[in-house]
Amino acid sequence: MSKPLAWLVYVLTVAFFGCFFLWPIGAILGGAFLDADRNFTFEFVAEVFRNRIYLEGLGNALLLAIGSTAASLLIALPLAFAADRFDFPGKKLLTAAILVPMILPPFVGAIGVRQMLGQYGALNAVLTHLGVLDAGETIDWLGAGRMWGVVALNALHLYPILFLNLTAALANLDPAMEEAAENLGCTGLRKFRRITLPLIMPGLFAGGTIVFIFSFTELGVPLIFDLTRVTSVQIFYGIKEIAGNPFPFALVVVMLACTVLLYALSKVLFGRSENAMVAKATTGGGARPAGPLASWACALGFAGITALALLPHLGVILVSFAGDWYRTVLPTGWTLDHYQAALGHGLTVPSIANSLKYASLSTLFDVVLGVAIAYVVVRTTLPGRQILDTLAMLPLAVPGLVLAFGYITMTQDGRTFAFLNPSKDPTLLLVIAYSVRRLPYVVRAAVAGLQQTSVALEEAAQNLGCPPLRTLRRITFPLIFANVLAGGLLAFAFAMLEVSDSLILAQKQQHYPITKAIYELFMLMGEGRHVASALGVWAMVFLGLTIFAASRILGKKMGALFRV
């Protein structure tokens, strides 16, 4: 790539992020810190910390984030350690199955959980059959325990992100360092606490930061569980008053400040790369055969966690097939009508077409821009090129809910970007939102491909008179095609099932994407939740196939796509 073209990529990327990343954040800051006379004030933000309802929402959001991150870590760390250190029966299949919980947005899984844990759901029916509950007696599991229900759903959906990062960190660990500790008498848990854990801390915090931010800003699951005293839900309902109420802006600013503070803190304390570790010694390392008891314990542990993580998915599948499911362990009637309705309902068919359109356009944009950014970062000596890499990764650190609220703010009548107002036609804004949110996957995948590809091949082509752009098209891109394909598949799949942007920006039925259609169907009386579940199963199959394809292409390197 010639220097003028590299500068063009640099300028266009900075301009794009300036308009559609920094500008919406600036619009939010203006709404939070400027009063009706456009004078600077801290009053609105201060009121958030004085208002009991807002404080309760923040407290609940923090509790959900801390609980979800801790639960994800408790699940992922033992599994990652076992996968790195031991060989056990069915290891390849069981470690591949770790990714299965990611094939369904947790708010869709919440539909199945509500059916199983409702007052007249499957769990109470089981307890009645066992004689624990009297006939007609019920326990409202989702009453007092709905907070922990959200924590469990988040953890069972997000622990694969931590697992991928931890296994990559453990794979880079020099076994000689642990052997030296053992020679000095440091063994067992003390060795893990004093040697292993500090060395894998960058990987732990790389995944942990993503889990925390996702859980802190999660909108879909609290909505399905009717958990209204959470900041994300308060912001969602506050959009209706965006023209005259400054407090939703203040709530978004507080949420953004919390996530940015955590991101910055994790980068300062644990931001060093695992590549800084000394090269692996030639001593024996890696997985080793475990004893019969330990082998089966590992296998059962993986199988048990995967089975537990699949319970929400099972619930959604059962609801989608259920003809009647009331006070029984399993549905008493079965039908395929909900699937026919899901593919023929006036709300679902257009939503599938809309999602395909939005996701395809955003993925095409991400592939073009992502490969260009990766090439400038890896293959050129352009001053400040690392700024491009940082800009491309920042969307992972800023919640989708914040950006979606910012887009709503910056497109109000009278604003510079009013022509993008989603109340008229959200297509272009949704494509932009999906692109910004999923660009990191393509950039990180392309960077990994370029780092693994020798520059000598490109230099040889240019020495033979091949122009830079033609070299990129004929030599470089085919060599990194597998990486770009994997990143593009993930970007497309997650754009198809994006929650926050879809719920907030799609405001008219003819523009609903799949996730907004699922939410609206769930809110309908009668067969709505069954049709929503059937649509969720279709989405589950689609996302499962794409994640499987991406994981087959990238292997252990897939964890690098989920890092801030």
Protein backbone atom coordinates (compact mmCIF):
# COMPACT_ATOMS: atom_id res chain seq x y z
CA MET A 1 0.00 0.00 0.00
CA SER A 2 1.46 3.38 -1.03
CA LYS A 3 1.97 6.07 1.57
CA PRO A 4 -0.74 8.41 0.15
CA LEU A 5 -3.25 5.53 0.20
CA ALA A 6 -2.24 4.66 3.77
CA TRP A 7 -2.83 8.27 4.78
CA LEU A 8 -6.22 8.17 3.04
CA VAL A 9 -7.21 5.09 5.08
CA TYR A 10 -5.97 6.86 8.21
CA VAL A 11 -7.98 10.04 7.52
CA LEU A 12 -11.17 8.20 6.50
CA THR A 13 -11.04 5.95 9.58
CA VAL A 14 -10.52 8.88 11.94
CA ALA A 15 -13.36 10.78 10.21
CA PHE A 16 -15.71 7.78 10.43
CA PHE A 17 -15.01 7.22 14.12
CA GLY A 18 -15.19 10.94 14.75
CA CYS A 19 -18.70 11.10 13.29
CA PHE A 20 -20.15 7.81 14.50
CA PHE A 21 -18.23 7.04 17.68
CA LEU A 22 -17.00 10.26 19.25
CA TRP A 23 -19.85 12.48 18.04
CA PRO A 24 -22.67 10.42 19.62
CA ILE A 25 -20.72 10.28 22.87
CA GLY A 26 -20.27 14.05 22.67
CA ALA A 27 -24.02 14.47 22.08
CA ILE A 28 -24.70 12.49 25.24
CA LEU A 29 -22.23 14.61 27.22
CA GLY A 30 -23.93 17.76 25.95
CA GLY A 31 -27.33 16.52 27.09
CA ALA A 32 -25.97 15.61 30.53
CA PHE A 33 -23.86 18.71 31.24
CA LEU A 34 -25.71 21.56 29.46
CA ASP A 35 -28.94 23.05 30.82
CA ALA A 36 -31.79 24.59 28.80
CA ASP A 37 -29.77 27.82 28.37
CA ARG A 38 -26.72 25.83 27.18
CA ASN A 39 -24.82 26.60 30.37
CA PHE A 40 -22.47 24.01 31.84
CA THR A 41 -23.84 22.23 34.91
CA PHE A 42 -23.15 19.17 37.05
CA GLU A 43 -26.67 19.25 38.46
CA PHE A 44 -28.14 16.49 36.28
CA VAL A 45 -25.32 14.03 36.98
CA ALA A 46 -25.36 14.94 40.68
CA GLU A 47 -29.10 14.25 40.76
CA VAL A 48 -28.44 10.69 39.60
CA PHE A 49 -26.51 10.11 42.83
CA ARG A 50 -29.19 11.86 44.93
CA ASN A 51 -32.19 10.08 43.41
CA ARG A 52 -32.99 6.86 45.26
CA ILE A 53 -34.44 5.15 42.17
CA TYR A 54 -31.43 5.97 39.96
CA LEU A 55 -29.03 4.90 42.70
CA GLU A 56 -30.88 1.61 43.09
CA GLY A 57 -30.64 1.07 39.33
CA LEU A 58 -26.88 1.71 39.35
CA GLY A 59 -26.41 -0.53 42.36
CA ASN A 60 -28.35 -3.33 40.71
CA ALA A 61 -26.41 -2.92 37.44
CA LEU A 62 -23.09 -3.11 39.30
CA LEU A 63 -24.30 -6.13 41.26
CA LEU A 64 -25.31 -7.86 38.02
CA ALA A 65 -21.93 -7.07 36.44
CA ILE A 66 -19.85 -8.17 39.43
CA GLY A 67 -21.94 -11.31 39.96
CA SER A 68 -21.90 -12.26 36.27
CA THR A 69 -18.13 -11.72 35.98
CA ALA A 70 -17.39 -13.68 39.16
CA ALA A 71 -19.68 -16.53 38.12
CA SER A 72 -18.16 -16.62 34.62
CA LEU A 73 -14.66 -16.76 36.14
CA LEU A 74 -15.62 -19.57 38.52
CA ILE A 75 -16.84 -21.57 35.53
CA ALA A 76 -14.14 -20.69 32.99
CA LEU A 77 -10.93 -20.84 35.06
CA PRO A 78 -11.11 -24.52 36.13
CA LEU A 79 -12.22 -25.53 32.63
CA ALA A 80 -9.38 -23.61 30.96
CA PHE A 81 -6.80 -25.05 33.38
CA ALA A 82 -8.06 -28.59 32.80
CA ALA A 83 -8.11 -28.12 29.01
CA ASP A 84 -4.54 -26.79 29.01
CA ARG A 85 -2.97 -29.31 31.38
CA PHE A 86 -4.76 -32.62 30.85
CA ASP A 87 -5.84 -35.03 28.15
CA PHE A 88 -9.19 -36.66 28.87
CA PRO A 89 -11.87 -38.63 26.97
CA GLY A 90 -13.69 -36.59 24.33
CA LYS A 91 -11.50 -33.52 24.90
CA LYS A 92 -11.76 -32.13 21.36
CA LEU A 93 -15.53 -32.46 21.24
CA LEU A 94 -16.08 -31.14 24.77
CA THR A 95 -13.82 -28.11 24.36
CA ALA A 96 -15.49 -27.29 21.03
CA ALA A 97 -18.90 -27.51 22.76
CA ILE A 98 -17.78 -24.68 25.08
CA LEU A 99 -18.77 -22.23 22.32
CA VAL A 100 -22.33 -23.56 22.09
CA PRO A 101 -23.83 -21.19 24.74
CA MET A 102 -22.88 -18.24 22.53
CA ILE A 103 -25.30 -19.25 19.78
CA LEU A 104 -28.29 -17.55 21.40
CA PRO A 105 -28.64 -14.02 22.81
CA PRO A 106 -29.31 -14.38 26.54
CA PHE A 107 -32.52 -12.39 26.35
CA VAL A 108 -33.98 -15.07 24.04
CA GLY A 109 -32.84 -17.77 26.47
CA ALA A 110 -34.67 -15.83 29.19
CA ILE A 111 -37.96 -16.76 27.50
CA GLY A 112 -37.23 -20.45 28.09
CA VAL A 113 -36.05 -19.81 31.65
CA ARG A 114 -39.27 -17.94 32.48
CA GLN A 115 -41.26 -20.94 31.30
CA MET A 116 -39.23 -23.34 33.44
CA LEU A 117 -39.00 -21.17 36.58
CA GLY A 118 -42.39 -19.45 36.45
CA GLN A 119 -44.96 -20.03 39.18
CA TYR A 120 -46.69 -22.61 36.98
CA GLY A 121 -43.55 -23.79 35.22
CA ALA A 122 -41.55 -26.98 34.96
CA LEU A 123 -39.52 -26.69 38.19
CA ASN A 124 -42.57 -26.29 40.42
CA ALA A 125 -44.21 -29.21 38.56
CA VAL A 126 -41.15 -31.38 39.35
CA LEU A 127 -41.31 -30.38 43.02
CA THR A 128 -45.04 -31.18 43.11
CA HIS A 129 -44.42 -34.64 41.62
CA LEU A 130 -41.71 -35.26 44.21
CA GLY A 131 -44.05 -34.25 47.02
CA VAL A 132 -41.99 -31.22 48.05
CA LEU A 133 -44.90 -28.92 47.18
CA ASP A 134 -48.56 -29.57 47.82
CA ALA A 135 -50.97 -29.61 44.87
CA GLY A 136 -51.73 -26.02 43.92
CA GLU A 137 -48.79 -24.65 45.92
CA THR A 138 -46.19 -22.64 43.96
CA ILE A 139 -42.90 -20.85 44.51
CA ASP A 140 -42.25 -17.59 42.69
CA TRP A 141 -38.64 -18.32 41.69
CA LEU A 142 -38.45 -15.24 39.49
CA GLY A 143 -39.85 -12.94 42.14
CA ALA A 144 -37.19 -12.39 44.77
CA GLY A 145 -34.60 -14.32 42.78
CA ARG A 146 -34.83 -12.57 39.41
CA MET A 147 -31.54 -10.69 39.99
CA TRP A 148 -29.71 -13.99 40.38
CA GLY A 149 -31.57 -15.33 37.38
CA VAL A 150 -30.08 -12.55 35.25
CA VAL A 151 -26.62 -13.24 36.73
CA ALA A 152 -26.91 -16.94 35.92
CA LEU A 153 -28.06 -16.31 32.34
CA ASN A 154 -25.28 -13.79 31.73
CA ALA A 155 -22.63 -16.11 33.18
CA LEU A 156 -23.80 -19.15 31.23
CA HIS A 157 -23.76 -17.10 28.03
CA LEU A 158 -20.45 -15.26 28.55
CA TYR A 159 -18.10 -17.75 30.23
CA PRO A 160 -16.82 -18.97 26.79
CA ILE A 161 -15.24 -15.52 26.25
CA LEU A 162 -13.22 -15.90 29.46
CA PHE A 163 -12.44 -19.52 28.61
CA LEU A 164 -11.03 -18.57 25.19
CA ASN A 165 -8.83 -15.85 26.66
CA LEU A 166 -7.60 -18.01 29.55
CA THR A 167 -6.73 -20.98 27.35
CA ALA A 168 -4.75 -18.68 25.05
CA ALA A 169 -2.93 -17.18 28.05
CA LEU A 170 -2.14 -20.62 29.51
CA ALA A 171 -0.90 -21.84 26.12
CA ASN A 172 1.62 -18.97 26.09
CA LEU A 173 2.86 -19.73 29.59
CA ASP A 174 6.48 -20.90 29.78
CA PRO A 175 6.44 -24.27 31.63
CA ALA A 176 10.01 -23.66 32.83
CA MET A 177 8.77 -20.93 35.16
CA GLU A 178 6.37 -23.29 36.93
CA GLU A 179 9.01 -26.01 37.03
CA ALA A 180 11.47 -23.60 38.65
CA ALA A 181 8.86 -22.77 41.29
CA GLU A 182 8.30 -26.47 41.98
CA ASN A 183 12.06 -27.04 42.33
CA LEU A 184 12.06 -24.34 45.01
CA GLY A 185 9.21 -26.03 46.90
CA CYS A 186 6.32 -23.93 45.61
CA THR A 187 3.62 -26.42 44.58
CA GLY A 188 -0.14 -26.87 44.36
CA LEU A 189 -2.43 -23.92 45.00
CA ARG A 190 0.45 -21.75 46.18
CA LYS A 191 2.21 -22.19 42.83
CA PHE A 192 -1.01 -21.33 41.01
CA ARG A 193 -1.60 -18.24 43.15
CA ARG A 194 1.98 -16.93 43.15
CA ILE A 195 3.23 -17.94 39.66
CA THR A 196 0.51 -19.06 37.23
CA LEU A 197 -2.25 -16.58 38.07
CA PRO A 198 -0.09 -13.41 37.77
CA LEU A 199 1.25 -14.61 34.40
CA ILE A 200 -2.21 -15.23 32.93
CA MET A 201 -3.69 -12.05 34.41
CA PRO A 202 -3.65 -10.15 31.08
CA GLY A 203 -5.79 -12.86 29.47
CA LEU A 204 -8.08 -12.98 32.48
CA PHE A 205 -8.71 -9.26 32.42
CA ALA A 206 -8.98 -9.15 28.64
CA GLY A 207 -11.97 -11.48 28.82
CA GLY A 208 -13.19 -10.28 32.23
CA THR A 209 -13.49 -6.69 31.05
CA ILE A 210 -15.73 -7.74 28.16
CA VAL A 211 -17.92 -9.84 30.47
CA PHE A 212 -18.21 -7.04 33.03
CA ILE A 213 -19.11 -4.36 30.48
CA PHE A 214 -21.61 -6.63 28.73
CA SER A 215 -23.31 -7.57 32.01
CA PHE A 216 -23.29 -4.00 33.34
CA THR A 217 -25.09 -2.71 30.24
CA GLU A 218 -27.22 -5.78 29.39
CA LEU A 219 -30.70 -4.67 28.36
CA GLY A 220 -32.54 -7.69 26.98
CA VAL A 221 -32.52 -10.10 29.96
CA PRO A 222 -33.68 -7.53 32.56
CA LEU A 223 -36.47 -6.51 30.17
CA ILE A 224 -37.68 -10.11 29.78
CA PHE A 225 -37.42 -10.67 33.54
CA ASP A 226 -39.32 -7.42 34.29
CA LEU A 227 -36.33 -6.12 36.26
CA THR A 228 -37.02 -2.42 35.81
CA ARG A 229 -34.75 -1.03 38.56
CA VAL A 230 -31.61 -1.45 36.46
CA THR A 231 -29.83 1.45 34.77
CA SER A 232 -29.98 -0.05 31.27
CA VAL A 233 -33.77 -0.50 31.47
CA GLN A 234 -34.21 2.98 32.97
CA ILE A 235 -32.29 4.40 29.99
CA PHE A 236 -34.40 2.33 27.56
CA TYR A 237 -37.65 3.71 28.97
CA GLY A 238 -36.14 7.20 29.22
CA ILE A 239 -35.74 7.38 25.43
CA LYS A 240 -39.44 8.26 25.22
CA GLU A 241 -38.65 11.51 27.09
CA ILE A 242 -35.37 12.27 25.34
CA ALA A 243 -36.57 15.65 24.04
CA GLY A 244 -37.26 17.21 27.43
CA ASN A 245 -35.68 15.07 30.16
CA PRO A 246 -31.93 15.42 30.84
CA PHE A 247 -31.72 12.55 33.32
CA PRO A 248 -31.51 9.71 30.78
CA PHE A 249 -28.44 11.54 29.42
CA ALA A 250 -26.98 11.74 32.92
CA LEU A 251 -27.61 8.02 33.45
CA VAL A 252 -25.82 7.18 30.20
CA VAL A 253 -22.86 9.38 31.18
CA VAL A 254 -22.55 7.64 34.55
CA MET A 255 -22.72 4.23 32.87
CA LEU A 256 -20.14 5.29 30.28
CA ALA A 257 -17.83 6.66 32.98
CA CYS A 258 -17.99 3.38 34.88
CA THR A 259 -17.13 1.28 31.81
CA VAL A 260 -14.34 3.60 30.62
CA LEU A 261 -12.84 3.68 34.12
CA LEU A 262 -12.82 -0.10 34.29
CA TYR A 263 -11.33 -0.36 30.79
CA ALA A 264 -8.57 2.14 31.57
CA LEU A 265 -7.81 0.51 34.91
CA SER A 266 -7.52 -2.95 33.39
CA LYS A 267 -5.29 -1.63 30.61
CA VAL A 268 -2.95 0.10 33.08
CA LEU A 269 -2.76 -2.79 35.54
CA PHE A 270 -2.99 -5.80 33.24
CA GLY A 271 -2.63 -4.48 29.69
CA ARG A 272 0.72 -6.02 28.83
CA SER A 273 0.66 -8.58 26.07
CA GLU A 274 1.36 -12.23 26.60
CA ASN A 275 3.85 -11.91 23.72
CA ALA A 276 6.12 -10.07 26.16
CA MET A 277 6.73 -13.35 27.97
CA VAL A 278 9.99 -15.10 27.28
CA ALA A 279 9.91 -17.81 24.65
CA LYS A 280 8.81 -21.22 25.78
CA ALA A 281 11.56 -23.45 26.99
CA THR A 282 12.21 -26.80 25.43
CA THR A 283 11.23 -28.57 28.63
CA GLY A 284 8.16 -30.72 28.62
CA GLY A 285 4.98 -28.70 28.77
CA GLY A 286 1.42 -28.81 27.50
CA ALA A 287 -1.30 -31.33 28.14
CA ARG A 288 -0.44 -34.66 29.70
CA PRO A 289 -2.48 -37.80 30.35
CA ALA A 290 -4.31 -37.67 33.67
CA GLY A 291 -5.23 -40.58 35.91
CA PRO A 292 -8.51 -42.41 35.27
CA LEU A 293 -10.37 -40.55 38.04
CA ALA A 294 -9.04 -37.11 37.02
CA SER A 295 -9.72 -37.80 33.34
CA TRP A 296 -13.35 -38.63 33.89
CA ALA A 297 -13.73 -35.76 36.37
CA CYS A 298 -12.54 -33.35 33.66
CA ALA A 299 -14.83 -34.88 31.05
CA LEU A 300 -17.85 -34.82 33.36
CA GLY A 301 -17.04 -31.26 34.41
CA PHE A 302 -17.04 -30.03 30.81
CA ALA A 303 -20.17 -32.02 29.95
CA GLY A 304 -22.00 -30.84 33.08
CA ILE A 305 -21.26 -27.16 32.54
CA THR A 306 -22.22 -27.37 28.87
CA ALA A 307 -25.47 -29.14 29.76
CA LEU A 308 -26.26 -26.46 32.36
CA ALA A 309 -25.47 -23.68 29.88
CA LEU A 310 -27.80 -25.29 27.35
CA LEU A 311 -30.82 -25.30 29.69
CA PRO A 312 -32.04 -21.87 28.48
CA HIS A 313 -31.65 -23.05 24.89
CA LEU A 314 -33.58 -26.23 25.73
CA GLY A 315 -36.30 -24.12 27.30
CA VAL A 316 -36.62 -22.01 24.16
CA ILE A 317 -36.80 -25.14 21.98
CA LEU A 318 -39.47 -26.70 24.16
CA VAL A 319 -41.55 -23.51 24.19
CA SER A 320 -41.27 -23.33 20.40
CA PHE A 321 -42.76 -26.85 20.06
CA ALA A 322 -45.23 -26.62 22.96
CA GLY A 323 -48.91 -26.78 22.25
CA ASP A 324 -49.82 -26.57 25.95
CA TRP A 325 -47.36 -26.23 28.86
CA TYR A 326 -49.02 -25.38 32.15
CA ARG A 327 -48.23 -26.93 35.55
CA THR A 328 -46.40 -29.82 33.88
CA VAL A 329 -42.76 -30.90 33.68
CA LEU A 330 -42.87 -31.11 29.87
CA PRO A 331 -45.39 -29.77 27.35
CA THR A 332 -48.54 -31.87 27.15
CA GLY A 333 -49.00 -31.05 23.48
CA TRP A 334 -46.57 -30.68 20.60
CA THR A 335 -46.93 -28.73 17.39
CA LEU A 336 -44.97 -27.36 14.44
CA ASP A 337 -47.44 -24.52 13.93
CA HIS A 338 -45.22 -22.01 15.73
CA TYR A 339 -42.42 -22.62 13.24
CA GLN A 340 -44.80 -22.11 10.35
CA ALA A 341 -46.03 -18.94 12.02
CA ALA A 342 -42.46 -17.79 12.61
CA LEU A 343 -41.76 -18.03 8.89
CA GLY A 344 -45.13 -16.68 7.82
CA HIS A 345 -46.04 -14.11 10.48
CA GLY A 346 -46.36 -10.53 9.24
CA LEU A 347 -43.76 -9.44 11.79
CA THR A 348 -41.15 -12.17 11.35
CA VAL A 349 -40.62 -12.48 7.60
CA PRO A 350 -39.81 -8.77 7.09
CA SER A 351 -37.60 -8.84 10.20
CA ILE A 352 -35.49 -11.69 8.77
CA ALA A 353 -35.11 -9.81 5.49
CA ASN A 354 -34.23 -6.61 7.37
CA SER A 355 -31.60 -8.32 9.50
CA LEU A 356 -30.03 -9.95 6.43
CA LYS A 357 -29.86 -6.55 4.74
CA TYR A 358 -28.47 -4.67 7.75
CA ALA A 359 -25.94 -7.37 8.66
CA SER A 360 -24.75 -7.94 5.07
CA LEU A 361 -24.11 -4.26 4.40
CA SER A 362 -22.37 -3.73 7.75
CA THR A 363 -20.18 -6.82 7.27
CA LEU A 364 -19.16 -5.73 3.77
CA PHE A 365 -18.17 -2.33 5.16
CA ASP A 366 -16.30 -3.94 8.07
CA VAL A 367 -14.32 -6.25 5.78
CA VAL A 368 -13.19 -3.40 3.51
CA LEU A 369 -12.32 -0.99 6.34
CA GLY A 370 -11.02 -3.71 8.67
CA VAL A 371 -8.53 -5.12 6.15
CA ALA A 372 -7.37 -1.60 5.26
CA ILE A 373 -6.82 -0.71 8.93
CA ALA A 374 -5.01 -3.99 9.62
CA TYR A 375 -2.71 -3.49 6.64
CA VAL A 376 -1.80 0.06 7.70
CA VAL A 377 -1.15 -1.09 11.27
CA VAL A 378 0.95 -4.17 10.41
CA ARG A 379 2.58 -3.42 7.05
CA THR A 380 3.34 0.32 7.12
CA THR A 381 5.49 2.64 9.22
CA LEU A 382 2.92 5.43 9.19
CA PRO A 383 3.33 7.69 12.26
CA GLY A 384 0.51 7.19 14.75
CA ARG A 385 -0.78 4.06 13.01
CA GLN A 386 -1.46 2.46 16.41
CA ILE A 387 -4.17 5.07 16.88
CA LEU A 388 -6.13 3.27 14.16
CA ASP A 389 -5.83 -0.02 16.03
CA THR A 390 -6.97 1.64 19.26
CA LEU A 391 -9.92 3.34 17.57
CA ALA A 392 -10.99 0.08 15.95
CA MET A 393 -10.97 -1.75 19.30
CA LEU A 394 -12.66 0.95 21.41
CA PRO A 395 -16.23 -0.15 20.51
CA LEU A 396 -15.59 -3.28 22.61
CA ALA A 397 -15.07 -1.02 25.63
CA VAL A 398 -18.12 1.22 25.04
CA PRO A 399 -21.51 -0.42 25.59
CA GLY A 400 -23.84 -0.77 22.63
CA LEU A 401 -26.59 0.78 24.74
CA VAL A 402 -24.51 3.97 25.14
CA LEU A 403 -23.78 4.27 21.42
CA ALA A 404 -27.41 3.56 20.48
CA PHE A 405 -28.59 6.29 22.87
CA GLY A 406 -25.99 8.61 21.37
CA TYR A 407 -27.26 7.91 17.85
CA ILE A 408 -30.81 8.73 18.94
CA THR A 409 -29.54 12.01 20.46
CA MET A 410 -27.43 13.15 17.49
CA THR A 411 -30.23 12.52 14.97
CA GLN A 412 -32.96 14.56 16.67
CA ASP A 413 -34.62 17.29 14.59
CA GLY A 414 -32.40 20.33 14.28
CA ARG A 415 -29.16 18.37 14.79
CA THR A 416 -26.42 17.89 12.19
CA PHE A 417 -27.32 14.24 11.56
CA ALA A 418 -31.11 14.72 11.63
CA PHE A 419 -31.30 13.17 8.14
CA LEU A 420 -30.43 9.82 9.80
CA ASN A 421 -33.32 10.01 12.29
CA PRO A 422 -34.38 6.36 12.88
CA SER A 423 -38.03 7.33 13.37
CA LYS A 424 -38.17 7.83 9.60
CA ASP A 425 -35.91 5.07 8.25
CA PRO A 426 -33.25 3.49 10.50
CA THR A 427 -31.56 1.43 7.75
CA LEU A 428 -28.43 3.53 7.30
CA LEU A 429 -28.06 4.21 11.03
CA LEU A 430 -28.45 0.53 11.91
CA VAL A 431 -25.85 -0.43 9.30
CA ILE A 432 -23.48 2.16 10.79
CA ALA A 433 -24.22 1.01 14.35
CA TYR A 434 -23.65 -2.66 13.49
CA SER A 435 -20.45 -1.75 11.61
CA VAL A 436 -18.96 0.20 14.50
CA ARG A 437 -19.85 -2.48 17.03
CA ARG A 438 -18.46 -5.43 15.02
CA LEU A 439 -15.46 -3.86 13.28
CA PRO A 440 -13.06 -5.07 16.05
CA TYR A 441 -13.63 -8.72 15.07
CA VAL A 442 -12.57 -8.15 11.46
CA VAL A 443 -9.60 -5.92 12.38
CA ARG A 444 -8.27 -8.35 14.97
CA ALA A 445 -8.69 -11.35 12.63
CA ALA A 446 -6.98 -9.53 9.74
CA VAL A 447 -4.13 -8.33 11.98
CA ALA A 448 -3.55 -11.92 13.12
CA GLY A 449 -3.45 -13.10 9.50
CA LEU A 450 -0.98 -10.42 8.42
CA GLN A 451 1.29 -11.10 11.39
CA GLN A 452 1.42 -14.78 10.40
CA THR A 453 2.11 -14.03 6.71
CA SER A 454 5.64 -13.23 5.57
CA VAL A 455 6.03 -9.81 4.01
CA ALA A 456 8.66 -11.27 1.66
CA LEU A 457 5.97 -12.52 -0.73
CA GLU A 458 4.52 -9.03 -1.10
CA GLU A 459 7.97 -7.50 -1.52
CA ALA A 460 8.79 -10.05 -4.24
CA ALA A 461 5.60 -9.15 -6.12
CA GLN A 462 6.36 -5.43 -5.91
CA ASN A 463 9.96 -6.02 -7.05
CA LEU A 464 8.51 -7.65 -10.16
CA GLY A 465 6.49 -4.51 -10.91
CA CYS A 466 3.16 -5.40 -9.27
CA PRO A 467 1.52 -2.15 -7.99
CA PRO A 468 0.70 -1.98 -4.24
CA LEU A 469 -3.08 -2.27 -4.62
CA ARG A 470 -2.77 -5.17 -7.04
CA THR A 471 -0.32 -6.85 -4.65
CA LEU A 472 -2.85 -6.46 -1.86
CA ARG A 473 -5.60 -7.94 -4.04
CA ARG A 474 -3.66 -10.76 -5.72
CA ILE A 475 -1.11 -11.75 -3.05
CA THR A 476 -1.93 -10.48 0.45
CA PHE A 477 -5.70 -10.89 0.58
CA PRO A 478 -5.73 -14.53 -0.62
CA LEU A 479 -3.12 -15.37 2.05
CA ILE A 480 -5.22 -13.90 4.87
CA PHE A 481 -8.59 -14.86 3.40
CA ALA A 482 -9.29 -17.53 6.04
CA ASN A 483 -8.75 -15.04 8.87
CA VAL A 484 -10.86 -12.38 7.20
CA LEU A 485 -13.59 -14.94 6.51
CA ALA A 486 -13.67 -15.96 10.18
CA GLY A 487 -13.83 -12.35 11.39
CA GLY A 488 -16.48 -11.55 8.78
CA LEU A 489 -18.59 -14.55 9.78
CA LEU A 490 -18.55 -13.47 13.42
CA ALA A 491 -19.30 -9.86 12.52
CA PHE A 492 -22.23 -10.97 10.34
CA ALA A 493 -23.62 -13.44 12.90
CA PHE A 494 -23.47 -11.06 15.85
CA ALA A 495 -24.87 -8.21 13.73
CA MET A 496 -27.82 -10.45 12.83
CA LEU A 497 -28.57 -10.90 16.52
CA GLU A 498 -27.53 -7.48 17.90
CA VAL A 499 -29.80 -6.52 20.81
CA SER A 500 -29.23 -2.97 22.13
CA ASP A 501 -28.99 -1.19 18.77
CA SER A 502 -31.95 -3.14 17.40
CA LEU A 503 -34.28 -2.52 20.35
CA ILE A 504 -33.51 1.20 20.47
CA LEU A 505 -33.01 2.28 16.86
CA ALA A 506 -35.70 0.23 15.07
CA GLN A 507 -38.87 2.15 15.93
CA LYS A 508 -41.35 1.13 13.23
CA GLN A 509 -42.56 -2.39 12.56
CA GLN A 510 -41.55 -2.42 8.89
CA HIS A 511 -37.93 -1.82 9.94
CA TYR A 512 -37.69 -4.34 12.81
CA PRO A 513 -34.67 -6.68 12.74
CA ILE A 514 -34.93 -10.20 14.17
CA THR A 515 -34.16 -9.37 17.81
CA LYS A 516 -36.70 -6.53 17.92
CA ALA A 517 -39.29 -8.83 16.35
CA ILE A 518 -38.58 -11.51 18.99
CA TYR A 519 -39.05 -8.95 21.78
CA GLU A 520 -42.29 -7.58 20.31
CA LEU A 521 -43.67 -11.09 19.75
CA PHE A 522 -42.84 -12.04 23.34
CA MET A 523 -44.81 -9.03 24.58
CA LEU A 524 -47.93 -10.16 22.67
CA MET A 525 -50.59 -12.13 24.48
CA GLY A 526 -51.54 -15.67 23.45
CA GLU A 527 -49.12 -17.43 21.09
CA GLY A 528 -46.58 -14.59 21.04
CA ARG A 529 -43.94 -16.22 23.24
CA HIS A 530 -44.20 -19.50 21.28
CA VAL A 531 -43.67 -17.77 17.94
CA ALA A 532 -40.86 -15.68 19.47
CA SER A 533 -39.19 -18.90 20.67
CA ALA A 534 -39.52 -20.49 17.23
CA LEU A 535 -37.89 -17.44 15.66
CA GLY A 536 -35.21 -17.68 18.34
CA VAL A 537 -34.51 -21.31 17.39
CA TRP A 538 -34.06 -20.32 13.75
CA ALA A 539 -31.61 -17.64 14.91
CA MET A 540 -29.87 -20.16 17.17
CA VAL A 541 -29.26 -22.57 14.29
CA PHE A 542 -27.93 -19.80 12.09
CA LEU A 543 -25.54 -18.35 14.68
CA GLY A 544 -24.40 -21.80 15.74
CA LEU A 545 -23.32 -22.68 12.22
CA THR A 546 -21.43 -19.42 11.74
CA ILE A 547 -19.58 -19.62 15.08
CA PHE A 548 -18.68 -23.25 14.37
CA ALA A 549 -17.28 -22.25 10.98
CA ALA A 550 -15.27 -19.39 12.47
CA SER A 551 -13.89 -21.57 15.27
CA ARG A 552 -12.81 -24.24 12.77
CA ILE A 553 -10.90 -21.59 10.81
CA LEU A 554 -9.28 -19.73 13.72
CA GLY A 555 -8.91 -22.47 16.35
CA LYS A 556 -7.33 -21.24 19.60
CA LYS A 557 -6.72 -17.80 18.09
CA MET A 558 -10.45 -17.10 18.25
CA GLY A 559 -10.04 -15.74 21.77
CA ALA A 560 -8.13 -12.74 20.39
CA LEU A 561 -11.37 -11.47 18.79
CA PHE A 562 -12.92 -10.92 22.23
CA ARG A 563 -10.32 -8.59 23.73
CA VAL A 564 -10.34 -4.89 24.45
